[in-house]
Amino acid sequence: FSNYLVNPDAKLGAAPFDTSFGDLGGTVDFLILADAS
């Protein structure tokens, strides 16, 4: 693993709510909600 990006093209708005864990060794975890505004 090197790096990861959530919402890379801002399709959930400019300020999404991100609680991703990222790399856990053999897995990369994503969990995100759209910008509330």
Full PDB file with SEQRES, HELIX, SHEET, SSBOND, CRYST1, ORIGX, SCALE, CONECT and MASTER records, all heavy atoms in Angstrom:
SEQRES   1 A   37  PHE SER ASN TYR LEU VAL ASN PRO ASP ALA LYS LEU GLY          
SEQRES   2 A   37  ALA ALA PRO PHE ASP THR SER PHE GLY ASP LEU GLY GLY          
SEQRES   3 A   37  THR VAL ASP PHE LEU ILE LEU ALA ASP ALA SER                  
SHEET    1 AA1 2 PHE A  17  ASP A  18  0                                        
SHEET    2 AA1 2 ILE A  32  LEU A  33 -1                                        
SHEET    1 AA2 2 GLY A  22  ASP A  23  0                                        
SHEET    2 AA2 2 VAL A  28  ASP A  29 -1                                        
CRYST1    1.000    1.000    1.000  90.00  90.00  90.00 P 1           1          
ORIGX1      1.000000  0.000000  0.000000        0.00000                         
ORIGX2      0.000000  1.000000  0.000000        0.00000                         
ORIGX3      0.000000  0.000000  1.000000        0.00000                         
SCALE1      1.000000  0.000000  0.000000        0.00000                         
SCALE2      0.000000  1.000000  0.000000        0.00000                         
SCALE3      0.000000  0.000000  1.000000        0.00000                         
ATOM      1  N   PHE A   1       0.834  -1.202   0.000  1.00  0.00           N  
ATOM      2  CA  PHE A   1       0.000   0.000   0.000  1.00  0.00           C  
ATOM      3  C   PHE A   1       0.868   1.251   0.000  1.00  0.00           C  
ATOM      4  O   PHE A   1       1.905   1.318   0.661  1.00  0.00           O  
ATOM      5  CB  PHE A   1      -0.903  -0.013   1.235  1.00  0.00           C  
ATOM      6  CG  PHE A   1      -1.654   1.266   1.472  1.00  0.00           C  
ATOM      7  CD1 PHE A   1      -2.845   1.520   0.815  1.00  0.00           C  
ATOM      8  CD2 PHE A   1      -1.162   2.221   2.357  1.00  0.00           C  
ATOM      9  CE1 PHE A   1      -3.543   2.700   1.038  1.00  0.00           C  
ATOM     10  CE2 PHE A   1      -1.854   3.393   2.586  1.00  0.00           C  
ATOM     11  CZ  PHE A   1      -3.045   3.643   1.930  1.00  0.00           C  
ATOM     12  N   SER A   2       0.411   2.281  -0.741  1.00  0.00           N  
ATOM     13  CA  SER A   2       1.120   3.553  -0.785  1.00  0.00           C  
ATOM     14  C   SER A   2       0.266   4.711  -0.280  1.00  0.00           C  
ATOM     15  O   SER A   2       0.675   5.457   0.612  1.00  0.00           O  
ATOM     16  CB  SER A   2       1.588   3.842  -2.221  1.00  0.00           C  
ATOM     17  OG  SER A   2       2.189   5.119  -2.311  1.00  0.00           O  
ATOM     18  N   ASN A   3      -0.948   4.869  -0.825  1.00  0.00           N  
ATOM     19  CA  ASN A   3      -1.767   6.026  -0.484  1.00  0.00           C  
ATOM     20  C   ASN A   3      -3.215   5.764  -0.888  1.00  0.00           C  
ATOM     21  O   ASN A   3      -3.482   4.879  -1.711  1.00  0.00           O  
ATOM     22  CB  ASN A   3      -1.255   7.266  -1.215  1.00  0.00           C  
ATOM     23  CG  ASN A   3      -1.928   8.543  -0.759  1.00  0.00           C  
ATOM     24  OD1 ASN A   3      -2.205   8.719   0.416  1.00  0.00           O  
ATOM     25  ND2 ASN A   3      -2.221   9.433  -1.696  1.00  0.00           N  
ATOM     26  N   TYR A   4      -4.151   6.513  -0.306  1.00  0.00           N  
ATOM     27  CA  TYR A   4      -5.543   6.395  -0.738  1.00  0.00           C  
ATOM     28  C   TYR A   4      -6.234   7.747  -0.679  1.00  0.00           C  
ATOM     29  O   TYR A   4      -5.832   8.643   0.060  1.00  0.00           O  
ATOM     30  CB  TYR A   4      -6.300   5.370   0.105  1.00  0.00           C  
ATOM     31  CG  TYR A   4      -6.781   5.841   1.454  1.00  0.00           C  
ATOM     32  CD1 TYR A   4      -8.129   6.084   1.697  1.00  0.00           C  
ATOM     33  CD2 TYR A   4      -5.889   6.033   2.503  1.00  0.00           C  
ATOM     34  CE1 TYR A   4      -8.572   6.506   2.937  1.00  0.00           C  
ATOM     35  CE2 TYR A   4      -6.329   6.454   3.750  1.00  0.00           C  
ATOM     36  CZ  TYR A   4      -7.668   6.694   3.955  1.00  0.00           C  
ATOM     37  OH  TYR A   4      -8.108   7.119   5.183  1.00  0.00           O  
ATOM     38  N   LEU A   5      -7.286   7.900  -1.492  1.00  0.00           N  
ATOM     39  CA  LEU A   5      -8.072   9.119  -1.551  1.00  0.00           C  
ATOM     40  C   LEU A   5      -9.550   8.769  -1.446  1.00  0.00           C  
ATOM     41  O   LEU A   5     -10.031   7.878  -2.143  1.00  0.00           O  
ATOM     42  CB  LEU A   5      -7.836   9.861  -2.870  1.00  0.00           C  
ATOM     43  CG  LEU A   5      -6.440  10.418  -3.152  1.00  0.00           C  
ATOM     44  CD1 LEU A   5      -6.366  10.936  -4.583  1.00  0.00           C  
ATOM     45  CD2 LEU A   5      -6.104  11.540  -2.165  1.00  0.00           C  
ATOM     46  N   VAL A   6     -10.277   9.476  -0.586  1.00  0.00           N  
ATOM     47  CA  VAL A   6     -11.729   9.362  -0.545  1.00  0.00           C  
ATOM     48  C   VAL A   6     -12.311  10.558  -1.298  1.00  0.00           C  
ATOM     49  O   VAL A   6     -11.678  11.606  -1.388  1.00  0.00           O  
ATOM     50  CB  VAL A   6     -12.270   9.336   0.895  1.00  0.00           C  
ATOM     51  CG1 VAL A   6     -11.701   8.149   1.659  1.00  0.00           C  
ATOM     52  CG2 VAL A   6     -11.942  10.627   1.626  1.00  0.00           C  
ATOM     53  N   ASN A   7     -13.496  10.369  -1.879  1.00  0.00           N  
ATOM     54  CA  ASN A   7     -14.169  11.456  -2.596  1.00  0.00           C  
ATOM     55  C   ASN A   7     -13.213  12.173  -3.552  1.00  0.00           C  
ATOM     56  O   ASN A   7     -13.103  13.411  -3.539  1.00  0.00           O  
ATOM     57  CB  ASN A   7     -14.737  12.454  -1.571  1.00  0.00           C  
ATOM     58  CG  ASN A   7     -15.724  13.431  -2.157  1.00  0.00           C  
ATOM     59  OD1 ASN A   7     -16.529  13.099  -3.030  1.00  0.00           O  
ATOM     60  ND2 ASN A   7     -15.691  14.659  -1.679  1.00  0.00           N  
ATOM     61  N   PRO A   8     -12.496  11.432  -4.414  1.00  0.00           N  
ATOM     62  CA  PRO A   8     -11.413  12.038  -5.205  1.00  0.00           C  
ATOM     63  C   PRO A   8     -11.873  13.106  -6.184  1.00  0.00           C  
ATOM     64  O   PRO A   8     -11.069  13.981  -6.555  1.00  0.00           O  
ATOM     65  CB  PRO A   8     -10.810  10.840  -5.946  1.00  0.00           C  
ATOM     66  CG  PRO A   8     -11.908   9.830  -5.988  1.00  0.00           C  
ATOM     67  CD  PRO A   8     -12.654  10.004  -4.707  1.00  0.00           C  
ATOM     68  N   ASP A   9     -13.128  13.063  -6.620  1.00  0.00           N  
ATOM     69  CA  ASP A   9     -13.626  14.038  -7.590  1.00  0.00           C  
ATOM     70  C   ASP A   9     -14.704  14.950  -6.991  1.00  0.00           C  
ATOM     71  O   ASP A   9     -15.476  15.574  -7.726  1.00  0.00           O  
ATOM     72  CB  ASP A   9     -14.171  13.317  -8.825  1.00  0.00           C  
ATOM     73  CG  ASP A   9     -13.127  12.398  -9.448  1.00  0.00           C  
ATOM     74  OD1 ASP A   9     -11.998  12.869  -9.671  1.00  0.00           O  
ATOM     75  OD2 ASP A   9     -13.434  11.214  -9.679  1.00  0.00           O  
ATOM     76  N   ALA A  10     -14.770  14.992  -5.659  1.00  0.00           N  
ATOM     77  CA  ALA A  10     -15.705  15.858  -4.921  1.00  0.00           C  
ATOM     78  C   ALA A  10     -17.156  15.594  -5.304  1.00  0.00           C  
ATOM     79  O   ALA A  10     -17.973  16.521  -5.319  1.00  0.00           O  
ATOM     80  CB  ALA A  10     -15.351  17.328  -5.140  1.00  0.00           C  
ATOM     81  N   LYS A  11     -17.505  14.332  -5.550  1.00  0.00           N  
ATOM     82  CA  LYS A  11     -18.877  13.996  -5.922  1.00  0.00           C  
ATOM     83  C   LYS A  11     -19.807  13.890  -4.711  1.00  0.00           C  
ATOM     84  O   LYS A  11     -21.012  13.705  -4.870  1.00  0.00           O  
ATOM     85  CB  LYS A  11     -18.900  12.678  -6.711  1.00  0.00           C  
ATOM     86  CG  LYS A  11     -18.116  12.717  -8.019  1.00  0.00           C  
ATOM     87  CD  LYS A  11     -18.671  13.750  -8.986  1.00  0.00           C  
ATOM     88  CE  LYS A  11     -17.959  13.682 -10.323  1.00  0.00           C  
ATOM     89  NZ  LYS A  11     -18.485  14.679 -11.279  1.00  0.00           N  
ATOM     90  N   LEU A  12     -19.249  14.004  -3.505  1.00  0.00           N  
ATOM     91  CA  LEU A  12     -20.073  14.080  -2.300  1.00  0.00           C  
ATOM     92  C   LEU A  12     -20.018  15.480  -1.705  1.00  0.00           C  
ATOM     93  O   LEU A  12     -20.368  15.684  -0.535  1.00  0.00           O  
ATOM     94  CB  LEU A  12     -19.618  13.050  -1.264  1.00  0.00           C  
ATOM     95  CG  LEU A  12     -19.822  11.583  -1.609  1.00  0.00           C  
ATOM     96  CD1 LEU A  12     -19.461  10.699  -0.428  1.00  0.00           C  
ATOM     97  CD2 LEU A  12     -21.249  11.300  -2.042  1.00  0.00           C  
ATOM     98  N   GLY A  13     -19.624  16.457  -2.512  1.00  0.00           N  
ATOM     99  CA  GLY A  13     -19.527  17.828  -2.045  1.00  0.00           C  
ATOM    100  C   GLY A  13     -18.138  18.173  -1.542  1.00  0.00           C  
ATOM    101  O   GLY A  13     -17.241  17.330  -1.512  1.00  0.00           O  
ATOM    102  N   ALA A  14     -17.970  19.422  -1.151  1.00  0.00           N  
ATOM    103  CA  ALA A  14     -16.643  19.929  -0.794  1.00  0.00           C  
ATOM    104  C   ALA A  14     -16.178  19.494   0.587  1.00  0.00           C  
ATOM    105  O   ALA A  14     -14.975  19.418   0.850  1.00  0.00           O  
ATOM    106  CB  ALA A  14     -16.635  21.453  -0.875  1.00  0.00           C  
ATOM    107  N   ALA A  15     -17.118  19.218   1.506  1.00  0.00           N  
ATOM    108  CA  ALA A  15     -16.734  18.894   2.891  1.00  0.00           C  
ATOM    109  C   ALA A  15     -17.491  17.662   3.384  1.00  0.00           C  
ATOM    110  O   ALA A  15     -18.333  17.754   4.283  1.00  0.00           O  
ATOM    111  CB  ALA A  15     -16.999  20.086   3.798  1.00  0.00           C  
ATOM    112  N   PRO A  16     -17.204  16.480   2.832  1.00  0.00           N  
ATOM    113  CA  PRO A  16     -17.887  15.263   3.284  1.00  0.00           C  
ATOM    114  C   PRO A  16     -17.435  14.857   4.678  1.00  0.00           C  
ATOM    115  O   PRO A  16     -16.403  15.320   5.175  1.00  0.00           O  
ATOM    116  CB  PRO A  16     -17.471  14.230   2.241  1.00  0.00           C  
ATOM    117  CG  PRO A  16     -16.142  14.708   1.750  1.00  0.00           C  
ATOM    118  CD  PRO A  16     -16.219  16.209   1.779  1.00  0.00           C  
ATOM    119  N   PHE A  17     -18.221  13.973   5.288  1.00  0.00           N  
ATOM    120  CA  PHE A  17     -17.937  13.464   6.633  1.00  0.00           C  
ATOM    121  C   PHE A  17     -17.237  12.118   6.481  1.00  0.00           C  
ATOM    122  O   PHE A  17     -17.854  11.121   6.107  1.00  0.00           O  
ATOM    123  CB  PHE A  17     -19.250  13.329   7.396  1.00  0.00           C  
ATOM    124  CG  PHE A  17     -19.083  12.995   8.854  1.00  0.00           C  
ATOM    125  CD1 PHE A  17     -18.250  13.730   9.672  1.00  0.00           C  
ATOM    126  CD2 PHE A  17     -19.800  11.946   9.415  1.00  0.00           C  
ATOM    127  CE1 PHE A  17     -18.117  13.437  11.022  1.00  0.00           C  
ATOM    128  CE2 PHE A  17     -19.678  11.635  10.761  1.00  0.00           C  
ATOM    129  CZ  PHE A  17     -18.837  12.391  11.566  1.00  0.00           C  
ATOM    130  N   ASP A  18     -15.933  12.079   6.749  1.00  0.00           N  
ATOM    131  CA  ASP A  18     -15.101  10.915   6.456  1.00  0.00           C  
ATOM    132  C   ASP A  18     -14.653  10.239   7.746  1.00  0.00           C  
ATOM    133  O   ASP A  18     -14.003  10.860   8.586  1.00  0.00           O  
ATOM    134  CB  ASP A  18     -13.885  11.351   5.631  1.00  0.00           C  
ATOM    135  CG  ASP A  18     -12.925  10.218   5.346  1.00  0.00           C  
ATOM    136  OD1 ASP A  18     -13.361   9.046   5.347  1.00  0.00           O  
ATOM    137  OD2 ASP A  18     -11.729  10.497   5.109  1.00  0.00           O  
ATOM    138  N   THR A  19     -15.010   8.955   7.903  1.00  0.00           N  
ATOM    139  CA  THR A  19     -14.516   8.176   9.042  1.00  0.00           C  
ATOM    140  C   THR A  19     -13.825   6.899   8.563  1.00  0.00           C  
ATOM    141  O   THR A  19     -13.845   5.878   9.246  1.00  0.00           O  
ATOM    142  CB  THR A  19     -15.659   7.818  10.011  1.00  0.00           C  
ATOM    143  OG1 THR A  19     -16.645   7.031   9.324  1.00  0.00           O  
ATOM    144  CG2 THR A  19     -16.315   9.060  10.562  1.00  0.00           C  
ATOM    145  N   SER A  20     -13.223   6.959   7.387  1.00  0.00           N  
ATOM    146  CA  SER A  20     -12.524   5.801   6.835  1.00  0.00           C  
ATOM    147  C   SER A  20     -11.340   5.417   7.719  1.00  0.00           C  
ATOM    148  O   SER A  20     -10.657   6.275   8.276  1.00  0.00           O  
ATOM    149  CB  SER A  20     -12.021   6.108   5.423  1.00  0.00           C  
ATOM    150  OG  SER A  20     -13.074   6.517   4.581  1.00  0.00           O  
ATOM    151  N   PHE A  21     -11.078   4.099   7.815  1.00  0.00           N  
ATOM    152  CA  PHE A  21      -9.919   3.617   8.565  1.00  0.00           C  
ATOM    153  C   PHE A  21      -8.651   3.604   7.714  1.00  0.00           C  
ATOM    154  O   PHE A  21      -7.544   3.552   8.244  1.00  0.00           O  
ATOM    155  CB  PHE A  21     -10.175   2.203   9.090  1.00  0.00           C  
ATOM    156  CG  PHE A  21     -11.274   2.111  10.109  1.00  0.00           C  
ATOM    157  CD1 PHE A  21     -12.225   1.107  10.038  1.00  0.00           C  
ATOM    158  CD2 PHE A  21     -11.365   3.027  11.139  1.00  0.00           C  
ATOM    159  CE1 PHE A  21     -13.250   1.016  10.971  1.00  0.00           C  
ATOM    160  CE2 PHE A  21     -12.379   2.952  12.084  1.00  0.00           C  
ATOM    161  CZ  PHE A  21     -13.320   1.937  11.994  1.00  0.00           C  
ATOM    162  N   GLY A  22      -8.799   3.596   6.389  1.00  0.00           N  
ATOM    163  CA  GLY A  22      -7.637   3.526   5.512  1.00  0.00           C  
ATOM    164  C   GLY A  22      -7.041   2.133   5.460  1.00  0.00           C  
ATOM    165  O   GLY A  22      -7.743   1.131   5.608  1.00  0.00           O  
ATOM    166  N   ASP A  23      -5.727   2.070   5.281  1.00  0.00           N  
ATOM    167  CA  ASP A  23      -5.065   0.771   5.117  1.00  0.00           C  
ATOM    168  C   ASP A  23      -4.957   0.038   6.444  1.00  0.00           C  
ATOM    169  O   ASP A  23      -4.512   0.593   7.447  1.00  0.00           O  
ATOM    170  CB  ASP A  23      -3.667   0.972   4.525  1.00  0.00           C  
ATOM    171  CG  ASP A  23      -2.971  -0.353   4.265  1.00  0.00           C  
ATOM    172  OD1 ASP A  23      -3.534  -1.184   3.542  1.00  0.00           O  
ATOM    173  OD2 ASP A  23      -1.857  -0.554   4.805  1.00  0.00           O  
ATOM    174  N   LEU A  24      -5.372  -1.247   6.420  1.00  0.00           N  
ATOM    175  CA  LEU A  24      -5.296  -2.097   7.604  1.00  0.00           C  
ATOM    176  C   LEU A  24      -4.439  -3.335   7.346  1.00  0.00           C  
ATOM    177  O   LEU A  24      -4.469  -4.284   8.113  1.00  0.00           O  
ATOM    178  CB  LEU A  24      -6.707  -2.513   8.044  1.00  0.00           C  
ATOM    179  CG  LEU A  24      -7.646  -1.364   8.418  1.00  0.00           C  
ATOM    180  CD1 LEU A  24      -9.055  -1.883   8.672  1.00  0.00           C  
ATOM    181  CD2 LEU A  24      -7.126  -0.623   9.642  1.00  0.00           C  
ATOM    182  N   GLY A  25      -3.692  -3.313   6.238  1.00  0.00           N  
ATOM    183  CA  GLY A  25      -2.855  -4.452   5.893  1.00  0.00           C  
ATOM    184  C   GLY A  25      -3.647  -5.511   5.159  1.00  0.00           C  
ATOM    185  O   GLY A  25      -4.285  -6.350   5.790  1.00  0.00           O  
ATOM    186  N   GLY A  26      -3.644  -5.455   3.833  1.00  0.00           N  
ATOM    187  CA  GLY A  26      -4.428  -6.377   3.013  1.00  0.00           C  
ATOM    188  C   GLY A  26      -5.822  -5.864   2.714  1.00  0.00           C  
ATOM    189  O   GLY A  26      -6.525  -6.423   1.871  1.00  0.00           O  
ATOM    190  N   THR A  27      -6.236  -4.811   3.391  1.00  0.00           N  
ATOM    191  CA  THR A  27      -7.536  -4.180   3.149  1.00  0.00           C  
ATOM    192  C   THR A  27      -7.401  -2.671   3.294  1.00  0.00           C  
ATOM    193  O   THR A  27      -6.583  -2.186   4.074  1.00  0.00           O  
ATOM    194  CB  THR A  27      -8.626  -4.668   4.127  1.00  0.00           C  
ATOM    195  OG1 THR A  27      -8.279  -4.273   5.460  1.00  0.00           O  
ATOM    196  CG2 THR A  27      -8.791  -6.180   4.072  1.00  0.00           C  
ATOM    197  N   VAL A  28      -8.226  -1.935   2.526  1.00  0.00           N  
ATOM    198  CA  VAL A  28      -8.301  -0.484   2.653  1.00  0.00           C  
ATOM    199  C   VAL A  28      -9.766  -0.142   2.888  1.00  0.00           C  
ATOM    200  O   VAL A  28     -10.628  -0.472   2.070  1.00  0.00           O  
ATOM    201  CB  VAL A  28      -7.777   0.252   1.413  1.00  0.00           C  
ATOM    202  CG1 VAL A  28      -7.749   1.762   1.658  1.00  0.00           C  
ATOM    203  CG2 VAL A  28      -6.387  -0.244   1.033  1.00  0.00           C  
ATOM    204  N   ASP A  29     -10.055   0.520   4.013  1.00  0.00           N  
ATOM    205  CA  ASP A  29     -11.421   0.756   4.459  1.00  0.00           C  
ATOM    206  C   ASP A  29     -11.880   2.176   4.116  1.00  0.00           C  
ATOM    207  O   ASP A  29     -11.184   3.146   4.413  1.00  0.00           O  
ATOM    208  CB  ASP A  29     -11.488   0.548   5.975  1.00  0.00           C  
ATOM    209  CG  ASP A  29     -12.864   0.814   6.538  1.00  0.00           C  
ATOM    210  OD1 ASP A  29     -13.187   1.996   6.796  1.00  0.00           O  
ATOM    211  OD2 ASP A  29     -13.606  -0.157   6.733  1.00  0.00           O  
ATOM    212  N   PHE A  30     -13.075   2.276   3.495  1.00  0.00           N  
ATOM    213  CA  PHE A  30     -13.685   3.563   3.157  1.00  0.00           C  
ATOM    214  C   PHE A  30     -15.062   3.655   3.819  1.00  0.00           C  
ATOM    215  O   PHE A  30     -15.863   2.717   3.721  1.00  0.00           O  
ATOM    216  CB  PHE A  30     -13.888   3.691   1.639  1.00  0.00           C  
ATOM    217  CG  PHE A  30     -12.632   3.860   0.841  1.00  0.00           C  
ATOM    218  CD1 PHE A  30     -11.781   2.785   0.597  1.00  0.00           C  
ATOM    219  CD2 PHE A  30     -12.298   5.094   0.292  1.00  0.00           C  
ATOM    220  CE1 PHE A  30     -10.632   2.937  -0.154  1.00  0.00           C  
ATOM    221  CE2 PHE A  30     -11.140   5.260  -0.462  1.00  0.00           C  
ATOM    222  CZ  PHE A  30     -10.311   4.180  -0.695  1.00  0.00           C  
ATOM    223  N   LEU A  31     -15.356   4.788   4.463  1.00  0.00           N  
ATOM    224  CA  LEU A  31     -16.677   5.051   5.027  1.00  0.00           C  
ATOM    225  C   LEU A  31     -16.872   6.561   5.047  1.00  0.00           C  
ATOM    226  O   LEU A  31     -16.180   7.283   5.757  1.00  0.00           O  
ATOM    227  CB  LEU A  31     -16.804   4.484   6.441  1.00  0.00           C  
ATOM    228  CG  LEU A  31     -18.121   4.736   7.176  1.00  0.00           C  
ATOM    229  CD1 LEU A  31     -19.303   4.198   6.384  1.00  0.00           C  
ATOM    230  CD2 LEU A  31     -18.087   4.090   8.555  1.00  0.00           C  
ATOM    231  N   ILE A  32     -17.841   7.072   4.264  1.00  0.00           N  
ATOM    232  CA  ILE A  32     -17.961   8.506   4.055  1.00  0.00           C  
ATOM    233  C   ILE A  32     -19.403   8.885   3.779  1.00  0.00           C  
ATOM    234  O   ILE A  32     -20.153   8.126   3.160  1.00  0.00           O  
ATOM    235  CB  ILE A  32     -17.031   8.946   2.888  1.00  0.00           C  
ATOM    236  CG1 ILE A  32     -17.040  10.455   2.698  1.00  0.00           C  
ATOM    237  CG2 ILE A  32     -17.393   8.236   1.598  1.00  0.00           C  
ATOM    238  CD1 ILE A  32     -15.963  10.928   1.721  1.00  0.00           C  
ATOM    239  N   LEU A  33     -19.806  10.059   4.267  1.00  0.00           N  
ATOM    240  CA  LEU A  33     -21.123  10.636   4.007  1.00  0.00           C  
ATOM    241  C   LEU A  33     -20.958  11.962   3.274  1.00  0.00           C  
ATOM    242  O   LEU A  33     -19.963  12.673   3.460  1.00  0.00           O  
ATOM    243  CB  LEU A  33     -21.881  10.875   5.300  1.00  0.00           C  
ATOM    244  CG  LEU A  33     -22.418   9.649   6.032  1.00  0.00           C  
ATOM    245  CD1 LEU A  33     -23.009  10.076   7.374  1.00  0.00           C  
ATOM    246  CD2 LEU A  33     -23.454   8.912   5.208  1.00  0.00           C  
ATOM    247  N   ALA A  34     -21.968  12.317   2.474  1.00  0.00           N  
ATOM    248  CA  ALA A  34     -21.924  13.551   1.702  1.00  0.00           C  
ATOM    249  C   ALA A  34     -21.904  14.782   2.606  1.00  0.00           C  
ATOM    250  O   ALA A  34     -22.353  14.755   3.758  1.00  0.00           O  
ATOM    251  CB  ALA A  34     -23.126  13.616   0.764  1.00  0.00           C  
ATOM    252  N   ASP A  35     -21.386  15.852   2.082  1.00  0.00           N  
ATOM    253  CA  ASP A  35     -21.411  17.159   2.730  1.00  0.00           C  
ATOM    254  C   ASP A  35     -22.853  17.462   3.156  1.00  0.00           C  
ATOM    255  O   ASP A  35     -23.779  17.433   2.344  1.00  0.00           O  
ATOM    256  CB  ASP A  35     -20.919  18.199   1.717  1.00  0.00           C  
ATOM    257  CG  ASP A  35     -20.781  19.593   2.293  1.00  0.00           C  
ATOM    258  OD1 ASP A  35     -21.465  19.903   3.282  1.00  0.00           O  
ATOM    259  OD2 ASP A  35     -20.007  20.384   1.734  1.00  0.00           O  
ATOM    260  N   ALA A  36     -23.061  17.745   4.435  1.00  0.00           N  
ATOM    261  CA  ALA A  36     -24.406  17.948   4.961  1.00  0.00           C  
ATOM    262  C   ALA A  36     -25.079  19.196   4.402  1.00  0.00           C  
ATOM    263  O   ALA A  36     -26.301  19.326   4.477  1.00  0.00           O  
ATOM    264  CB  ALA A  36     -24.350  18.040   6.487  1.00  0.00           C  
ATOM    265  N   SER A  37     -24.310  20.098   3.815  1.00  0.00           N  
ATOM    266  CA  SER A  37     -24.888  21.347   3.316  1.00  0.00           C  
ATOM    267  C   SER A  37     -25.383  21.236   1.877  1.00  0.00           C  
ATOM    268  O   SER A  37     -26.049  22.147   1.380  1.00  0.00           O  
ATOM    269  CB  SER A  37     -23.850  22.477   3.408  1.00  0.00           C  
ATOM    270  OG  SER A  37     -22.778  22.249   2.507  1.00  0.00           O  
TER     271      SER A  37                                                      
MASTER        0    0    0    0    4    0    0    6  270    1    0    3          
END                                                                             
